[in-house]
Protein backbone atom coordinates (compact mmCIF):
# COMPACT_ATOMS: atom_id res chain seq x y z
CA MET A 1 -27.40 -83.68 -9.73
CA LYS A 2 -26.16 -80.16 -10.19
CA THR A 3 -22.73 -79.65 -11.52
CA PRO A 4 -20.52 -77.16 -9.62
CA PRO A 5 -19.49 -74.00 -11.48
CA LYS A 6 -16.14 -73.83 -12.99
CA SER A 7 -13.57 -72.41 -10.77
CA GLY A 8 -11.99 -70.50 -13.60
CA ALA A 9 -14.98 -68.23 -14.29
CA GLY A 10 -15.47 -67.22 -10.73
CA SER A 11 -11.84 -66.28 -10.46
CA ARG A 12 -11.96 -64.23 -13.62
CA LEU A 13 -15.07 -62.40 -12.18
CA ARG A 14 -13.43 -61.62 -8.79
CA PHE A 15 -10.27 -60.57 -10.74
CA ARG A 16 -12.38 -58.07 -12.86
CA ARG A 17 -13.95 -56.57 -9.68
CA LEU A 18 -10.52 -56.14 -7.98
CA SER A 19 -9.12 -54.59 -11.11
CA THR A 20 -12.09 -52.14 -11.53
CA SER A 21 -11.67 -50.96 -7.76
CA SER A 22 -7.75 -50.81 -8.07
CA ILE A 23 -7.96 -48.66 -11.29
CA ARG A 24 -10.50 -46.27 -9.51
CA SER A 25 -8.16 -46.07 -6.49
CA ARG A 26 -5.13 -45.36 -8.46
CA ALA A 27 -7.06 -42.79 -10.67
CA ALA A 28 -7.98 -41.03 -7.53
CA ALA A 29 -4.34 -41.16 -6.43
CA VAL A 30 -3.22 -39.63 -9.69
CA LEU A 31 -5.83 -36.68 -9.40
CA ILE A 32 -4.69 -36.04 -5.69
CA LEU A 33 -1.13 -36.08 -6.88
CA LEU A 34 -1.86 -33.47 -9.55
CA VAL A 35 -3.67 -31.29 -7.05
CA LEU A 36 -0.78 -31.40 -4.57
CA LEU A 37 1.97 -30.72 -7.31
CA LEU A 38 -0.06 -27.80 -8.83
CA THR A 39 -0.68 -26.42 -5.33
CA THR A 40 3.09 -26.76 -4.72
CA LEU A 41 3.96 -24.77 -7.81
CA VAL A 42 1.49 -21.92 -7.08
CA LEU A 43 2.41 -21.60 -3.35
CA GLY A 44 6.09 -21.96 -4.19
CA ARG A 45 6.01 -19.12 -6.55
CA PHE A 46 4.20 -16.72 -4.28
CA GLY A 47 6.20 -17.86 -1.35
CA VAL A 48 9.64 -17.34 -2.95
CA GLU A 49 8.78 -13.91 -4.46
CA ASP A 50 7.32 -12.76 -1.06
CA PHE A 51 10.20 -14.11 0.91
CA THR A 52 12.85 -12.40 -1.28
CA LYS A 53 11.00 -9.29 -2.44
CA ALA A 54 8.16 -8.35 -0.10
CA LEU A 55 8.54 -4.69 1.31
CA THR A 56 7.38 -5.62 4.83
CA PHE A 57 8.24 -8.01 7.46
CA PRO A 58 4.87 -9.57 7.60
CA GLY A 59 5.14 -10.07 3.88
CA ARG A 60 8.55 -11.96 4.21
CA ILE A 61 6.88 -14.02 7.13
CA THR A 62 4.09 -14.78 4.63
CA GLY A 63 6.61 -15.93 2.11
CA ALA A 64 8.30 -18.14 4.47
CA VAL A 65 4.86 -19.59 5.51
CA LEU A 66 3.80 -20.32 1.88
CA ILE A 67 7.31 -22.03 1.13
CA LEU A 68 6.79 -24.19 4.36
CA VAL A 69 3.28 -25.06 3.04
CA ALA A 70 4.63 -25.76 -0.38
CA ALA A 71 7.26 -28.05 1.04
CA THR A 72 4.47 -29.85 3.10
CA THR A 73 2.29 -30.40 -0.08
CA LEU A 74 5.22 -31.64 -2.06
CA LEU A 75 5.97 -34.10 0.77
CA GLY A 76 2.40 -34.99 0.70
CA ALA A 77 2.64 -35.77 -3.07
CA PHE A 78 5.41 -38.28 -2.34
CA ALA A 79 3.47 -39.81 0.37
CA VAL A 80 0.48 -40.21 -1.94
CA LEU A 81 2.73 -42.20 -4.31
CA ASP A 82 3.94 -44.44 -1.41
CA HIS A 83 0.58 -44.82 0.12
CA TRP A 84 -1.03 -46.01 -3.10
CA PHE A 85 1.85 -47.67 -5.08
CA PHE A 86 4.96 -48.63 -2.97
CA HIS A 87 3.88 -49.23 0.61
CA SER A 88 7.45 -48.66 1.98
CA PHE A 89 6.65 -46.19 4.86
CA ARG A 90 4.13 -47.06 7.47
CA TYR A 91 2.75 -43.46 8.02
CA SER A 92 2.71 -42.42 4.48
CA GLY A 93 -1.12 -42.14 4.69
CA THR A 94 -0.74 -39.81 7.51
CA VAL A 95 1.79 -37.60 5.78
CA ALA A 96 -0.52 -37.47 2.59
CA LEU A 97 -3.41 -36.57 4.79
CA ILE A 98 -1.40 -33.55 6.47
CA GLY A 99 -0.42 -32.51 2.87
CA THR A 100 -3.99 -32.36 1.68
CA ILE A 101 -5.29 -30.55 4.69
CA ALA A 102 -2.49 -27.99 4.27
CA ALA A 103 -3.30 -27.50 0.64
CA PHE A 104 -6.95 -27.19 1.37
CA CYS A 105 -6.50 -24.54 4.02
CA THR A 106 -4.01 -22.54 2.25
CA ASN A 107 -5.77 -22.61 -1.12
CA GLY A 108 -8.91 -21.54 0.58
CA MET A 109 -7.50 -18.54 2.21
CA LEU A 110 -5.67 -17.40 -0.86
CA MET A 111 -8.88 -17.82 -2.97
CA LEU A 112 -10.83 -15.59 -0.46
CA LYS A 113 -8.16 -12.96 -0.64
CA THR A 114 -7.74 -12.85 -4.37
CA TRP A 115 -11.53 -12.82 -4.65
CA ASN A 116 -11.96 -9.80 -2.20
CA ASP A 117 -8.80 -7.83 -3.21
CA GLY A 118 -7.61 -8.94 -6.65
CA ASP A 119 -8.73 -7.88 -10.11
CA SER A 120 -7.74 -10.98 -11.96
CA ALA A 121 -10.34 -13.68 -12.79
CA PHE A 122 -7.76 -16.42 -13.46
CA TYR A 123 -6.28 -16.75 -10.03
CA PRO A 124 -9.53 -16.89 -8.09
CA ALA A 125 -10.71 -19.59 -10.45
CA LEU A 126 -7.54 -21.59 -10.30
CA LEU A 127 -7.36 -21.34 -6.48
CA GLY A 128 -11.15 -22.35 -6.35
CA VAL A 129 -10.45 -25.43 -8.35
CA LEU A 130 -7.50 -26.36 -6.19
CA THR A 131 -9.56 -25.69 -2.95
CA VAL A 132 -12.31 -28.02 -4.11
CA GLY A 133 -9.78 -30.57 -5.41
CA SER A 134 -7.82 -30.53 -2.24
CA GLY A 135 -10.88 -30.68 -0.03
CA LEU A 136 -12.07 -33.89 -1.94
CA SER A 137 -8.51 -35.18 -1.54
CA VAL A 138 -8.74 -34.87 2.08
CA VAL A 139 -11.91 -36.94 2.22
CA VAL A 140 -10.48 -39.58 -0.21
CA VAL A 141 -7.34 -40.05 1.95
CA TRP A 142 -9.16 -40.03 5.19
CA ARG A 143 -11.25 -43.00 3.95
CA THR A 144 -8.26 -45.11 3.20
CA SER A 145 -6.60 -47.19 5.84
CA ILE A 146 -4.12 -44.75 7.40
CA GLU A 147 -2.38 -45.08 10.65
CA VAL A 148 -2.06 -42.09 13.02
CA PRO A 149 0.84 -42.29 15.12
CA ALA A 150 -0.66 -40.44 18.03
CA PRO A 151 -4.15 -40.29 19.50
CA LYS A 152 -6.32 -37.95 17.37
CA ARG A 153 -7.48 -35.87 20.21
CA VAL A 154 -4.00 -35.08 21.29
CA ALA A 155 -3.10 -34.08 17.54
CA ALA A 156 -6.14 -31.96 17.44
CA ALA A 157 -5.38 -30.12 20.68
CA LEU A 158 -1.77 -29.46 19.49
CA ILE A 159 -2.91 -28.16 16.15
CA ILE A 160 -5.44 -25.87 17.77
CA SER A 161 -3.25 -24.47 20.31
CA SER A 162 -0.52 -23.82 17.65
CA LEU A 163 -2.98 -21.91 15.62
CA PHE A 164 -4.06 -19.74 18.54
CA ALA A 165 -0.39 -19.17 19.40
CA ALA A 166 0.48 -18.21 15.82
CA ALA A 167 -2.65 -15.86 15.46
CA ASN A 168 -1.73 -14.17 18.76
CA PHE A 169 2.03 -13.79 17.70
CA GLY A 170 1.04 -12.53 14.27
CA TYR A 171 -1.40 -9.83 15.74
CA GLN A 172 0.92 -8.44 18.45
CA ASN A 173 4.19 -8.55 16.37
CA LEU A 174 3.04 -8.14 12.79
CA TYR A 175 -0.38 -6.64 12.33
CA GLN A 176 -0.40 -3.97 15.02
CA PRO A 177 3.18 -2.64 14.08
CA ALA A 178 2.07 -2.47 10.43
CA GLN A 179 -1.01 -0.41 11.41
CA ARG A 180 0.79 2.24 13.37
CA GLY A 181 0.52 5.58 11.56
CA ALA A 182 3.48 7.77 10.83
CA ARG A 183 3.94 11.22 9.36
CA PRO A 184 7.23 13.15 8.81
CA ILE A 185 7.51 16.62 10.29
CA ILE A 186 8.25 19.77 8.39
CA THR A 187 9.98 22.71 9.86
CA LEU A 188 10.63 26.19 8.51
CA THR A 189 13.45 28.44 9.93
CA MET A 190 13.85 32.11 8.67
CA ARG A 191 17.37 33.53 8.88
CA ASP A 192 18.48 37.18 9.04
CA PRO A 193 17.46 39.12 6.03
CA VAL A 194 20.14 40.21 3.52
CA LEU A 195 20.13 43.48 1.86
CA LYS A 196 21.17 44.01 -1.83
CA LYS A 197 24.21 46.18 -2.41
CA ASP A 198 21.97 49.12 -3.72
CA ARG A 199 19.82 48.79 -0.83
CA LYS A 200 16.61 48.68 -2.99
CA ALA A 201 15.78 44.99 -2.33
CA PHE A 202 16.27 42.32 0.31
CA SER A 203 15.94 38.57 0.68
CA VAL A 204 14.90 36.33 3.48
CA PRO A 205 16.61 32.96 3.53
CA VAL A 206 14.39 30.10 4.66
CA ASP A 207 15.67 26.55 5.64
CA ILE A 208 13.06 23.84 5.09
CA LYS A 209 13.60 20.67 6.81
CA ILE A 210 11.62 17.35 6.79
CA GLU A 211 12.25 14.76 9.53
CA ASN A 212 11.25 11.20 9.32
CA ARG A 213 11.20 9.83 12.88
CA GLY A 214 9.31 6.79 12.03
CA ASP A 215 10.49 3.17 11.43
CA MET A 216 9.59 3.28 7.63
CA GLY A 217 10.56 5.14 4.63
CA PHE A 218 8.57 7.57 2.46
CA TYR A 219 8.49 8.31 -1.20
CA VAL A 220 8.11 12.04 -2.02
CA LEU A 221 5.34 12.51 -4.50
CA GLY A 222 5.52 16.30 -4.51
CA ALA A 223 6.78 19.08 -2.20
CA GLU A 224 5.81 22.67 -2.39
CA PHE A 225 6.84 25.86 -0.65
CA HIS A 226 5.15 29.18 -1.08
CA ALA A 227 5.20 32.72 0.76
CA MET A 228 2.28 35.04 1.13
CA GLY A 229 2.76 38.93 1.55
CA GLU A 230 0.33 40.38 4.08
CA ARG A 231 -0.80 43.98 4.74
CA VAL A 232 -1.97 44.44 8.39
CA THR A 233 -3.12 47.92 9.70
CA LEU A 234 -3.69 48.73 13.26
CA SER A 235 -6.98 50.25 14.50
CA PRO A 236 -6.72 52.88 17.26
CA GLU A 237 -9.40 51.46 19.25
CA ASP A 238 -11.23 48.08 19.81
CA ARG A 239 -13.25 46.99 16.77
CA VAL A 240 -16.97 46.27 17.25
CA GLY A 241 -18.40 42.89 17.21
CA GLN A 242 -19.92 43.23 13.77
CA GLN A 243 -16.60 43.76 12.36
CA TRP A 244 -15.52 40.35 13.86
CA ARG A 245 -18.57 38.65 12.24
CA THR A 246 -17.71 40.14 8.96
CA ASP A 247 -13.89 39.11 9.21
CA ALA A 248 -14.96 35.40 10.22
CA LYS A 249 -17.16 35.19 7.06
CA GLU A 250 -14.60 36.82 4.86
CA TRP A 251 -11.61 34.64 5.83
CA GLN A 252 -13.35 31.43 5.17
CA LYS A 253 -12.82 32.16 1.35
CA PHE A 254 -9.17 32.24 1.78
CA GLN A 255 -6.85 29.24 1.91
CA GLU A 256 -4.42 31.07 4.14
CA LYS A 257 -6.00 31.98 7.49
CA ASN A 258 -5.23 34.89 9.85
CA PRO A 259 -6.37 35.37 13.27
CA LEU A 260 -9.20 37.51 14.32
CA SER A 261 -7.92 40.43 16.39
CA ARG A 262 -9.42 43.36 18.37
CA ARG A 263 -6.87 45.83 16.71
CA GLU A 264 -5.17 44.20 13.80
CA VAL A 265 -7.05 44.45 10.46
CA HIS A 266 -5.81 41.76 8.11
CA GLN A 267 -6.16 41.79 4.31
CA ALA A 268 -6.00 38.80 2.02
CA GLY A 269 -2.42 37.71 1.39
CA GLU A 270 -0.81 37.75 -2.03
CA LEU A 271 1.56 35.34 -3.32
CA VAL A 272 5.17 36.38 -3.46
CA ALA A 273 7.16 33.18 -3.96
CA ALA A 274 6.36 29.55 -4.80
CA GLN A 275 8.58 26.75 -5.90
CA PRO A 276 9.23 22.87 -5.33
CA TRP A 277 11.75 21.92 -2.71
CA MET A 278 12.15 18.24 -3.28
CA ALA A 279 11.98 16.16 -6.61
CA PRO A 280 9.17 13.83 -7.20
CA GLY A 281 10.32 10.29 -6.64
CA PHE A 282 12.97 11.23 -4.13
CA TRP A 283 12.72 9.35 -0.81
CA ILE A 284 13.45 9.69 2.98
CA ASP A 285 14.65 6.67 4.78
CA ALA A 286 13.50 5.82 8.26
CA ASN A 287 15.05 8.11 10.94
CA ASP A 288 16.50 10.47 8.33
CA GLU A 289 16.01 13.98 7.31
CA PHE A 290 16.36 16.32 4.34
CA CYS A 291 17.20 19.96 4.38
CA ALA A 292 16.75 22.64 1.61
CA ARG A 293 17.21 26.44 1.49
CA THR A 294 15.21 28.93 -0.42
CA LEU A 295 15.05 32.73 -0.74
CA VAL A 296 12.01 35.03 -0.46
CA GLN A 297 12.95 38.34 -2.26
CA LEU A 298 11.12 41.63 -2.02
CA PRO A 299 11.77 45.25 -2.78
CA MET A 300 12.53 47.57 0.22
CA ASN A 301 9.48 49.68 -0.38
CA THR A 302 7.32 46.72 -0.33
CA LYS A 303 3.71 47.36 0.58
CA TYR A 304 3.47 44.30 2.84
CA ASP A 305 3.87 44.44 6.57
CA GLN A 306 4.63 40.80 7.03
CA VAL A 307 5.33 37.49 5.18
CA ALA A 308 3.73 34.15 6.05
CA LEU A 309 5.46 30.97 4.93
CA TYR A 310 3.96 27.47 4.13
CA ALA A 311 5.44 24.18 3.18
CA THR A 312 3.72 21.00 2.18
CA ALA A 313 4.73 17.49 1.04
CA SER A 314 2.80 14.60 -0.37
CA LEU A 315 4.16 11.24 0.79
CA ALA A 316 3.70 7.52 0.31
CA ARG A 317 4.96 4.86 2.47
CA LYS A 318 7.73 2.69 1.12
CA ASP A 319 6.39 -0.42 2.95
CA GLN A 320 3.14 -0.02 1.10
CA LEU A 321 4.20 0.30 -2.52
CA ARG A 322 7.16 0.40 -4.72
CA LEU A 323 7.45 3.28 -7.41
CA GLU A 324 9.26 3.34 -10.54
CA PRO A 325 10.84 6.66 -11.57
CA VAL A 326 8.30 9.67 -11.41
CA ARG A 327 8.39 11.41 -14.65
CA PHE A 328 6.56 14.55 -16.23
CA LYS A 329 3.61 13.40 -18.25
CA GLY A 330 2.12 16.60 -19.61
CA TYR A 331 -0.48 19.39 -19.15
CA SER A 332 -4.11 19.18 -17.97
CA TRP A 333 -5.19 21.75 -20.53
CA GLU A 334 -4.14 19.57 -23.30
CA SER A 335 -7.32 17.51 -23.13
CA LYS A 336 -6.96 15.68 -26.45
CA THR A 337 -3.79 13.93 -25.48
CA MET A 338 -4.00 14.05 -21.50
CA LYS A 339 -6.72 11.94 -19.65
CA VAL A 340 -7.18 13.58 -16.10
CA PRO A 341 -10.07 13.19 -13.70
CA LYS A 342 -12.88 15.83 -14.03
CA TRP A 343 -12.07 17.13 -10.54
CA VAL A 344 -8.54 18.22 -11.70
CA LYS A 345 -8.41 21.85 -12.67
CA ASP A 346 -7.16 23.08 -16.03
CA ASP A 347 -3.97 24.72 -14.78
CA SER A 348 -2.17 21.56 -13.59
CA LEU A 349 0.97 19.86 -14.32
CA VAL A 350 0.83 16.03 -14.34
CA TYR A 351 3.55 13.59 -13.26
CA ARG A 352 3.09 9.82 -13.53
CA ALA A 353 4.83 6.65 -12.28
CA ARG A 354 4.20 2.95 -12.29
CA VAL A 355 3.11 1.47 -9.09
CA HIS A 356 4.11 -2.03 -7.93
CA GLU A 357 2.38 -3.82 -5.01
CA ASN A 358 4.27 -4.54 -1.80
CA ASN A 359 3.77 -8.45 -2.06
CA ALA A 360 3.73 -11.06 -4.80
CA ILE A 361 0.10 -12.16 -4.31
CA ASP A 362 -1.25 -8.64 -5.09
CA GLU A 363 1.28 -8.08 -7.76
CA HIS A 364 0.07 -11.00 -9.69
CA THR A 365 -3.62 -10.66 -8.98
CA MET A 366 -4.24 -6.99 -9.33
CA ASP A 367 -4.34 -5.00 -12.62
CA PRO A 368 -1.46 -2.56 -13.14
CA ARG A 369 -1.67 0.77 -11.47
CA ASN A 370 -0.37 4.24 -12.02
CA LEU A 371 0.50 7.14 -9.63
CA ASP A 372 -0.47 10.57 -10.97
CA VAL A 373 0.65 13.70 -9.17
CA TYR A 374 -1.18 16.94 -10.00
CA TRP A 375 0.44 20.29 -9.45
CA LYS A 376 -2.54 22.74 -9.47
CA PHE A 377 -1.74 26.47 -9.80
CA GLY A 378 -3.71 29.06 -7.95
CA THR A 379 -3.66 32.53 -6.32
CA HIS A 380 -2.39 30.91 -3.16
CA GLY A 381 0.37 28.95 -4.39
CA VAL A 382 0.43 25.38 -5.82
CA SER A 383 -1.48 22.41 -4.32
CA VAL A 384 -0.15 19.01 -4.70
CA GLN A 385 -2.57 16.07 -4.98
CA ALA A 386 -1.81 12.47 -5.54
CA SER A 387 -3.97 9.88 -7.03
CA ILE A 388 -3.52 6.21 -7.80
CA THR A 389 -5.70 4.53 -10.53
CA ARG A 390 -5.80 1.52 -12.74
CA ASN A 391 -3.99 1.98 -16.03
CA GLY A 392 -6.19 3.53 -18.55
CA GLU A 393 -8.92 4.60 -15.92
CA GLU A 394 -7.47 7.97 -15.01
CA GLU A 395 -10.19 10.02 -16.61
CA GLY A 396 -13.10 8.45 -14.79
CA HIS A 397 -11.59 8.34 -11.41
CA SER A 398 -13.38 9.96 -8.53
CA GLU A 399 -12.07 11.72 -5.42
CA GLU A 400 -13.68 9.00 -3.28
CA GLU A 401 -11.72 6.36 -5.00
CA GLY A 402 -8.58 8.39 -4.67
CA GLU A 403 -9.11 8.44 -0.86
CA LYS A 404 -9.58 4.60 -0.88
CA PHE A 405 -6.35 4.05 -2.66
CA ALA A 406 -4.63 6.62 -0.63
CA ARG A 407 -5.47 4.62 2.48
CA ARG A 408 -4.30 1.36 0.90
CA TYR A 409 -0.89 2.63 -0.34
CA GLY A 410 -0.20 4.96 2.73
CA VAL A 411 -0.33 8.27 0.94
CA VAL A 412 -0.14 11.07 3.53
CA ASP A 413 0.42 14.84 3.59
CA ALA A 414 2.72 16.67 5.73
CA MET A 415 2.46 20.33 6.02
CA THR A 416 3.51 23.41 8.27
CA GLY A 417 2.64 27.11 8.24
CA PRO A 418 1.91 29.85 8.55
CA ILE A 419 5.16 30.73 9.87
CA GLU A 420 5.01 34.61 9.96
CA ARG A 421 7.68 37.33 10.28
CA THR A 422 7.18 41.08 10.45
CA LEU A 423 9.06 43.25 7.88
CA TRP A 424 9.00 46.52 9.84
CA ASP A 425 12.54 46.16 11.02
CA ILE A 426 13.82 45.64 7.46
CA LYS A 427 11.81 48.46 5.86
CA GLY A 428 13.15 50.79 8.65
CA LYS A 429 16.65 50.52 7.23
CA GLN A 430 15.65 52.50 4.19
């Protein structure tokens, strides 16, 4: 006759199996809790900084969304504690599932953004770990006994329709306005000339005005004005076609262009005045304007028949970057102490400013960048060119990279000219 097994040994075996399963379940809960809490810290940091400091309305909206997601993941962390340990709320499993799904989606999108646009290796790695962890958390929570308060199909339909509505709103109200280009307008106005007391010289007052008719402000990276003196003789008869062809080839060599004419014979202009008319780092707010006045002075017996005026400004959108004060850095010909790209000519002045990104995510995940403004001197005045590079990489920066960064940070050029004025009426007063 077989003796039955002792009840005490079977009870201990079942207790050990239950204890092992319970320990694994609670360990998984602790890991999910850590993933959600770390996600809350990362998203909360980005969200608060974007919501309070972003330079654009879409950036502020992004900050608000990140704060909302951080609150959701934090609530999901509390739900994980209740679902595994306390069992005081009926739908805590559902709340935990929502928190893990929100963490997975947001971590994934941020990982892709920092991977494509960022320079830091830390944040893509951190967000990659959080993405994998939150994805596994979704699976673990889904496999537990959770109770969904509404049919799953209805919930899925609501979620999908909400996503489409948010995407449509974001495209029409956030993305499209941010992509609208803007460029301030420069106008030049010449006033009546003023004779010197000894009538041996005269000056032409010139008013320079820049108008910002857009909905965003602009930083001034550099603003240059110059005047060219031109000699124009008149032919007594129409010029032959060969002379037109010669003029067309010759004028391609000059920065200042003159129209080809049957009777007028233009000669290359000569620089008679050049100066800055706005300080680097100054800015123009939306729907604002700035005016300056300068003088073009010439002797009464000048050899020129007319003057041509030009004004340019290099600008950067205030919603695309934030600039620290622009300061004079040095001279390009001091090659031992000054690092400049190869395409910068020797006769240049260099100004520099620290660039900050327009949102917290890029500010933390991208390397520090500097803005360099080069004032290049030449026979036709001064050309102003701006370049944004990583700190320490100024010397190896190419023009193609400069154009890429210019598009990213909204660097544009505004210009006007030639505005011409004849001098025959003034010279006739001798």
